[in-house]
Amino acid sequence: SSDLGFCQVLVPHDLDINVVKNPSNRCYYCKKDEAKTWKKIAPP
């Protein structure tokens, strides 16, 4: 897709580590197979 890969969750997360350790922190995009292409950002 043309999406650049930003995601937002209640807390900032590192897709390689914290999403695996804390699956409840995943956002919609991070639950997808493409999650590794999404980047970490701060909460709004």
Protein backbone atom coordinates (compact mmCIF):
# COMPACT_ATOMS: atom_id res chain seq x y z
CA SER A 1 0.00 0.00 0.00
CA SER A 2 1.00 3.66 -0.12
CA ASP A 3 0.77 4.06 3.65
CA LEU A 4 4.04 5.28 5.13
CA GLY A 5 3.59 3.28 8.29
CA PHE A 6 2.75 5.32 11.34
CA CYS A 7 0.67 3.85 14.12
CA GLN A 8 -0.70 5.12 17.39
CA VAL A 9 -1.38 3.29 20.63
CA LEU A 10 -2.03 4.36 24.20
CA VAL A 11 1.70 4.14 24.82
CA PRO A 12 4.69 4.45 22.48
CA HIS A 13 5.93 1.04 21.45
CA ASP A 14 8.81 -0.59 19.65
CA LEU A 15 7.33 -3.05 17.17
CA ASP A 16 10.28 -5.43 17.45
CA ILE A 17 10.04 -5.82 21.22
CA ASN A 18 7.15 -4.32 23.15
CA VAL A 19 4.37 -5.43 20.85
CA VAL A 20 5.53 -8.99 21.29
CA LYS A 21 5.78 -8.62 25.05
CA ASN A 22 2.62 -6.53 25.39
CA PRO A 23 0.13 -7.57 22.72
CA SER A 24 -2.59 -5.56 24.47
CA ASN A 25 -0.68 -2.44 23.38
CA ARG A 26 -1.04 -3.25 19.71
CA CYS A 27 -2.97 -0.89 17.50
CA TYR A 28 -5.06 -1.97 14.52
CA TYR A 29 -2.11 -1.80 12.15
CA CYS A 30 0.29 -3.53 14.50
CA LYS A 31 -1.98 -6.55 14.55
CA LYS A 32 -1.40 -6.96 10.82
CA ASP A 33 1.32 -8.94 9.09
CA GLU A 34 2.73 -5.65 7.83
CA ALA A 35 3.37 -4.47 11.38
CA LYS A 36 7.13 -4.60 10.96
CA THR A 37 6.91 -1.76 8.44
CA TRP A 38 5.12 0.53 10.91
CA LYS A 39 7.10 2.99 12.98
CA LYS A 40 7.10 3.97 16.63
CA ILE A 41 5.49 7.32 17.49
CA ALA A 42 4.51 9.09 20.67
CA PRO A 43 0.88 9.14 21.82
CA PRO A 44 -1.21 12.14 20.71
